[in-house]
Amino acid sequence: MNLLETKVGRLVTFGALYFSEGVPGGFLMMAIATEIQRRGMEDSGMYAAFITILALPWAWKFIMGPLVDNIHFKSFGARKQWIVTAQTIMIMAFILAMIYMPEQLEIVKSERGGLLGTIDSLWLSGVALFAGLLFLHNSFAATQDVAIDALACQVLKEDERGLANGIMSSSSYAGYLVGGSGVLWLKGAVGSFDKASIFVIALMATVTICVVIFVREKTAAQQIEDGELPAPEPGVHAFSALSSQIYDYFKTLWTSSSPRLPRPSSLR
């Protein structure tokens, strides 16, 4: 069975994938953000720095596009291998983060001032490893988002994209609510935030297994042959192509954003 072969299967696939994106997003930015305050992170500057660190990987998501397009094993689906790999690392990072999540925070003020002082306080207060694991999780969450969108652009037919986009957006919001408010409600039902977090990890693992079993993508080699992936130039390494595309992006961005002074009338 391959869900990508039918219209309904494709809509279900991308709805489920976006739901699985929303669940950890809500868990991290709503449930964990609330719980860490309850455990003692009441300093507003430190809390803001903590949340900023978690969200930072999404700021450079544009780099992940060339990464997903150029770095892959040719024997597997170019998008699916990134989705499964990213989801697996996300799950592992969450498990480790829950192990190292402080039971009760004792805020230690740094002697430094400004941003460096806030970051130093996070380290001295024993939150650095926990925040680092969540940062790792979000780095691969951003990568997974790019891979899912790339797969959607590749397999969805033109007349399916409007409906699929609506399903994907609503599924993402639904997942965010389940991973955020749902987990906080579940904490009250089971009596422990750690136990409630198992629900998120189990849900992510279920989606990953379903992708492995029910989503079958053409191999990267076949996609290159069919023109669905850019073919590598002879003698050009994948990392060279990646760096070249990123350089071109920044070059175009700089050129487009540079102010253009009006030409004097005498030169027109």
Protein backbone atom coordinates (compact mmCIF):
# COMPACT_ATOMS: atom_id res chain seq x y z
CA MET A 1 0.00 0.00 0.00
CA ASN A 2 1.30 3.42 -1.02
CA LEU A 3 -0.68 6.42 0.18
CA LEU A 4 0.89 8.65 -2.45
CA GLU A 5 -0.85 6.74 -5.28
CA THR A 6 -4.35 8.13 -4.64
CA LYS A 7 -5.77 11.60 -4.06
CA VAL A 8 -7.28 10.67 -0.70
CA GLY A 9 -4.05 8.97 0.32
CA ARG A 10 -2.02 12.06 -0.55
CA LEU A 11 -4.35 14.34 1.40
CA VAL A 12 -4.26 12.01 4.41
CA THR A 13 -0.47 11.78 4.21
CA PHE A 14 0.19 15.50 4.25
CA GLY A 15 -2.52 16.17 6.78
CA ALA A 16 -0.92 13.62 9.11
CA LEU A 17 2.59 14.96 8.47
CA TYR A 18 1.55 18.52 9.27
CA PHE A 19 -0.32 17.32 12.35
CA SER A 20 2.90 15.61 13.46
CA GLU A 21 4.73 18.93 12.92
CA GLY A 22 2.20 20.84 15.02
CA VAL A 23 2.21 18.45 17.99
CA PRO A 24 5.89 18.90 18.98
CA GLY A 25 5.66 22.59 18.11
CA GLY A 26 2.81 23.10 20.56
CA PHE A 27 4.49 20.87 23.13
CA LEU A 28 7.70 22.89 22.97
CA MET A 29 6.41 26.45 22.62
CA MET A 30 3.32 26.11 24.82
CA ALA A 31 3.53 23.13 27.20
CA ILE A 32 7.28 23.18 27.95
CA ALA A 33 7.35 26.99 27.96
CA THR A 34 4.59 27.01 30.59
CA GLU A 35 6.05 24.16 32.64
CA ILE A 36 9.54 25.67 32.79
CA GLN A 37 8.04 28.85 34.24
CA ARG A 38 6.21 26.82 36.87
CA ARG A 39 9.50 25.16 37.80
CA GLY A 40 11.18 28.45 38.59
CA MET A 41 12.10 30.35 35.44
CA GLU A 42 10.32 33.52 36.49
CA ASP A 43 12.98 35.98 35.35
CA SER A 44 11.51 37.61 32.23
CA GLY A 45 14.87 38.23 30.54
CA MET A 46 16.02 34.64 31.02
CA TYR A 47 12.66 33.27 29.90
CA ALA A 48 12.74 35.41 26.75
CA ALA A 49 16.29 34.23 25.98
CA PHE A 50 15.24 30.60 26.54
CA ILE A 51 12.28 30.89 24.13
CA THR A 52 14.43 32.72 21.56
CA ILE A 53 17.02 29.94 21.60
CA LEU A 54 14.31 27.35 20.96
CA ALA A 55 12.78 29.26 18.03
CA LEU A 56 16.09 30.34 16.46
CA PRO A 57 16.51 27.38 14.01
CA TRP A 58 13.44 28.49 12.07
CA ALA A 59 15.24 31.74 11.20
CA TRP A 60 17.64 29.92 8.86
CA LYS A 61 15.15 27.43 7.44
CA PHE A 62 15.91 28.79 3.95
CA ILE A 63 19.29 27.03 4.11
CA MET A 64 17.55 23.68 4.54
CA GLY A 65 16.05 23.78 1.02
CA PRO A 66 19.39 23.41 -0.80
CA LEU A 67 20.45 20.91 1.89
CA VAL A 68 17.43 18.65 1.25
CA ASP A 69 17.82 18.99 -2.54
CA ASN A 70 21.54 18.23 -2.71
CA ILE A 71 22.43 15.92 0.19
CA HIS A 72 20.79 12.49 0.02
CA PHE A 73 21.38 8.80 -0.65
CA LYS A 74 20.38 7.93 -4.19
CA SER A 75 18.99 4.52 -3.18
CA PHE A 76 16.17 6.09 -1.13
CA GLY A 77 13.52 8.73 -1.68
CA ALA A 78 15.18 12.14 -1.44
CA ARG A 79 12.40 13.67 0.67
CA LYS A 80 11.32 10.62 2.65
CA GLN A 81 14.82 9.90 3.94
CA TRP A 82 15.04 13.45 5.32
CA ILE A 83 11.55 13.26 6.87
CA VAL A 84 12.26 9.95 8.63
CA THR A 85 15.78 10.96 9.72
CA ALA A 86 14.63 14.33 11.06
CA GLN A 87 11.65 12.80 12.88
CA THR A 88 13.86 10.15 14.48
CA ILE A 89 16.36 12.73 15.75
CA MET A 90 13.49 14.92 16.97
CA ILE A 91 12.11 12.02 19.02
CA MET A 92 15.52 11.18 20.49
CA ALA A 93 16.16 14.82 21.36
CA PHE A 94 12.79 15.05 23.12
CA ILE A 95 13.44 11.89 25.14
CA LEU A 96 16.84 13.18 26.30
CA ALA A 97 15.39 16.63 26.99
CA MET A 98 12.73 15.15 29.26
CA ILE A 99 15.44 13.25 31.13
CA TYR A 100 17.49 16.42 31.67
CA MET A 101 14.59 18.79 32.29
CA PRO A 102 15.25 20.39 35.72
CA GLU A 103 12.74 19.43 38.41
CA GLN A 104 13.13 22.79 40.10
CA LEU A 105 15.14 25.73 38.87
CA GLU A 106 17.40 27.74 41.10
CA ILE A 107 18.17 30.87 39.11
CA VAL A 108 21.81 31.94 39.38
CA LYS A 109 22.44 35.53 38.34
CA SER A 110 25.48 36.20 36.22
CA GLU A 111 27.88 39.03 36.98
CA ARG A 112 27.80 39.98 33.31
CA GLY A 113 25.22 42.31 31.87
CA GLY A 114 23.09 42.28 28.75
CA LEU A 115 22.51 39.30 26.47
CA LEU A 116 25.73 37.50 27.41
CA GLY A 117 24.78 37.75 31.06
CA THR A 118 21.37 36.21 30.36
CA ILE A 119 22.92 33.32 28.43
CA ASP A 120 25.48 32.87 31.20
CA SER A 121 22.64 32.71 33.74
CA LEU A 122 21.00 29.92 31.73
CA TRP A 123 24.27 27.98 31.90
CA LEU A 124 24.83 28.61 35.62
CA SER A 125 21.21 27.66 36.38
CA GLY A 126 21.65 24.23 34.76
CA VAL A 127 19.30 24.82 31.81
CA ALA A 128 21.93 24.84 29.04
CA LEU A 129 21.83 21.11 28.23
CA PHE A 130 18.04 21.02 28.32
CA ALA A 131 17.81 24.08 26.04
CA GLY A 132 20.49 22.65 23.73
CA LEU A 133 18.55 19.43 23.22
CA LEU A 134 15.39 21.38 22.41
CA PHE A 135 17.45 23.53 20.02
CA LEU A 136 18.62 20.33 18.30
CA HIS A 137 15.02 19.15 18.09
CA ASN A 138 13.87 22.39 16.47
CA SER A 139 16.78 22.39 14.03
CA PHE A 140 15.56 19.10 12.60
CA ALA A 141 11.92 20.17 12.88
CA ALA A 142 12.71 23.04 10.50
CA THR A 143 14.52 20.62 8.17
CA GLN A 144 11.59 18.21 8.25
CA ASP A 145 9.19 21.02 7.37
CA VAL A 146 11.22 21.80 4.24
CA ALA A 147 11.33 18.12 3.24
CA ILE A 148 7.56 17.70 3.69
CA ASP A 149 6.85 20.80 1.60
CA ALA A 150 9.24 19.57 -1.09
CA LEU A 151 7.50 16.20 -1.19
CA ALA A 152 4.10 17.92 -1.38
CA CYS A 153 5.21 20.06 -4.33
CA GLN A 154 6.51 16.94 -6.02
CA VAL A 155 3.55 14.58 -5.69
CA LEU A 156 0.42 16.74 -5.34
CA LYS A 157 -1.40 17.41 -8.57
CA GLU A 158 -2.18 21.02 -9.42
CA ASP A 159 -5.93 20.67 -8.76
CA GLU A 160 -5.22 19.11 -5.34
CA ARG A 161 -2.92 21.78 -3.94
CA GLY A 162 -5.56 24.24 -2.74
CA LEU A 163 -7.47 21.62 -0.74
CA ALA A 164 -4.22 20.04 0.47
CA ASN A 165 -2.91 23.40 1.68
CA GLY A 166 -6.09 23.95 3.71
CA ILE A 167 -5.88 20.47 5.24
CA MET A 168 -2.19 20.89 6.03
CA SER A 169 -2.68 24.27 7.71
CA SER A 170 -5.66 23.16 9.81
CA SER A 171 -3.88 19.92 10.76
CA SER A 172 -0.85 21.89 11.90
CA TYR A 173 -2.98 24.12 14.16
CA ALA A 174 -4.83 21.08 15.50
CA GLY A 175 -1.52 19.40 16.30
CA TYR A 176 -0.28 22.55 18.01
CA LEU A 177 -3.33 22.57 20.28
CA VAL A 178 -2.98 18.86 21.06
CA GLY A 179 0.74 19.16 21.84
CA GLY A 180 0.28 22.36 23.85
CA SER A 181 -3.04 22.65 25.66
CA GLY A 182 -3.70 18.92 25.31
CA VAL A 183 -0.50 17.96 27.12
CA LEU A 184 -1.11 20.51 29.88
CA TRP A 185 -4.61 19.03 30.35
CA LEU A 186 -3.16 15.52 30.27
CA LYS A 187 -0.67 16.49 32.97
CA GLY A 188 -3.60 17.18 35.29
CA ALA A 189 -5.19 13.85 34.37
CA VAL A 190 -2.09 11.67 34.88
CA GLY A 191 -0.49 13.83 37.57
CA SER A 192 2.92 14.34 35.95
CA PHE A 193 4.32 16.42 33.12
CA ASP A 194 6.90 13.72 32.37
CA LYS A 195 4.15 11.11 31.93
CA ALA A 196 2.12 13.46 29.75
CA SER A 197 5.15 14.04 27.50
CA ILE A 198 5.20 10.31 26.64
CA PHE A 199 1.99 10.92 24.66
CA VAL A 200 3.80 13.38 22.36
CA ILE A 201 6.75 11.04 21.82
CA ALA A 202 4.46 8.08 21.13
CA LEU A 203 2.42 10.12 18.64
CA MET A 204 5.54 11.23 16.77
CA ALA A 205 6.86 7.66 16.70
CA THR A 206 3.53 6.38 15.31
CA VAL A 207 3.60 8.89 12.45
CA THR A 208 7.24 8.01 11.68
CA ILE A 209 6.43 4.31 11.49
CA CYS A 210 3.43 5.00 9.23
CA VAL A 211 5.60 7.07 6.89
CA VAL A 212 8.14 4.25 6.66
CA ILE A 213 5.46 1.65 5.91
CA PHE A 214 2.80 3.46 3.88
CA VAL A 215 4.63 6.27 2.04
CA ARG A 216 6.69 5.06 -0.89
CA GLU A 217 8.68 7.58 -2.87
CA LYS A 218 10.78 7.03 -5.95
CA THR A 219 14.49 6.78 -5.25
CA ALA A 220 16.58 9.91 -5.56
CA ALA A 221 18.37 8.36 -8.54
CA GLN A 222 15.04 7.85 -10.33
CA GLN A 223 13.90 11.37 -9.43
CA ILE A 224 17.08 12.81 -10.97
CA GLU A 225 16.50 10.71 -14.10
CA ASP A 226 12.88 11.95 -14.32
CA GLY A 227 13.92 15.57 -13.84
CA GLU A 228 12.24 15.92 -10.43
CA LEU A 229 15.56 16.63 -8.71
CA PRO A 230 18.41 18.77 -10.02
CA ALA A 231 21.03 16.55 -11.59
CA PRO A 232 24.51 17.07 -10.13
CA GLU A 233 26.99 18.59 -12.55
CA PRO A 234 29.85 16.29 -13.52
CA GLY A 235 32.74 16.63 -11.10
CA VAL A 236 30.80 18.93 -8.73
CA HIS A 237 30.43 17.58 -5.20
CA ALA A 238 27.03 17.86 -3.51
CA PHE A 239 28.44 20.12 -0.78
CA SER A 240 29.90 22.43 -3.44
CA ALA A 241 26.48 22.71 -5.09
CA LEU A 242 24.93 23.38 -1.69
CA SER A 243 27.35 26.18 -0.81
CA SER A 244 26.99 27.66 -4.30
CA GLN A 245 23.19 27.84 -4.01
CA ILE A 246 23.37 29.45 -0.57
CA TYR A 247 25.91 31.99 -1.86
CA ASP A 248 23.64 32.80 -4.81
CA TYR A 249 20.73 33.30 -2.42
CA PHE A 250 22.59 35.84 -0.29
CA LYS A 251 23.98 37.54 -3.38
CA THR A 252 20.48 37.94 -4.81
CA LEU A 253 19.15 39.09 -1.45
CA TRP A 254 21.89 41.72 -1.12
CA THR A 255 21.41 42.93 -4.69
CA SER A 256 17.63 43.16 -4.33
CA SER A 257 17.75 44.97 -0.97
CA SER A 258 20.48 47.48 -1.85
CA PRO A 259 19.04 51.00 -2.25
CA ARG A 260 19.12 52.32 -5.76
CA LEU A 261 19.75 56.04 -6.05
CA PRO A 262 17.81 57.90 -8.75
CA ARG A 263 19.86 58.88 -11.75
CA PRO A 264 20.40 62.63 -12.30
CA SER A 265 18.09 64.08 -14.94
CA SER A 266 21.09 65.15 -17.00
CA LEU A 267 22.09 61.52 -17.46
CA ARG A 268 18.68 60.29 -18.53
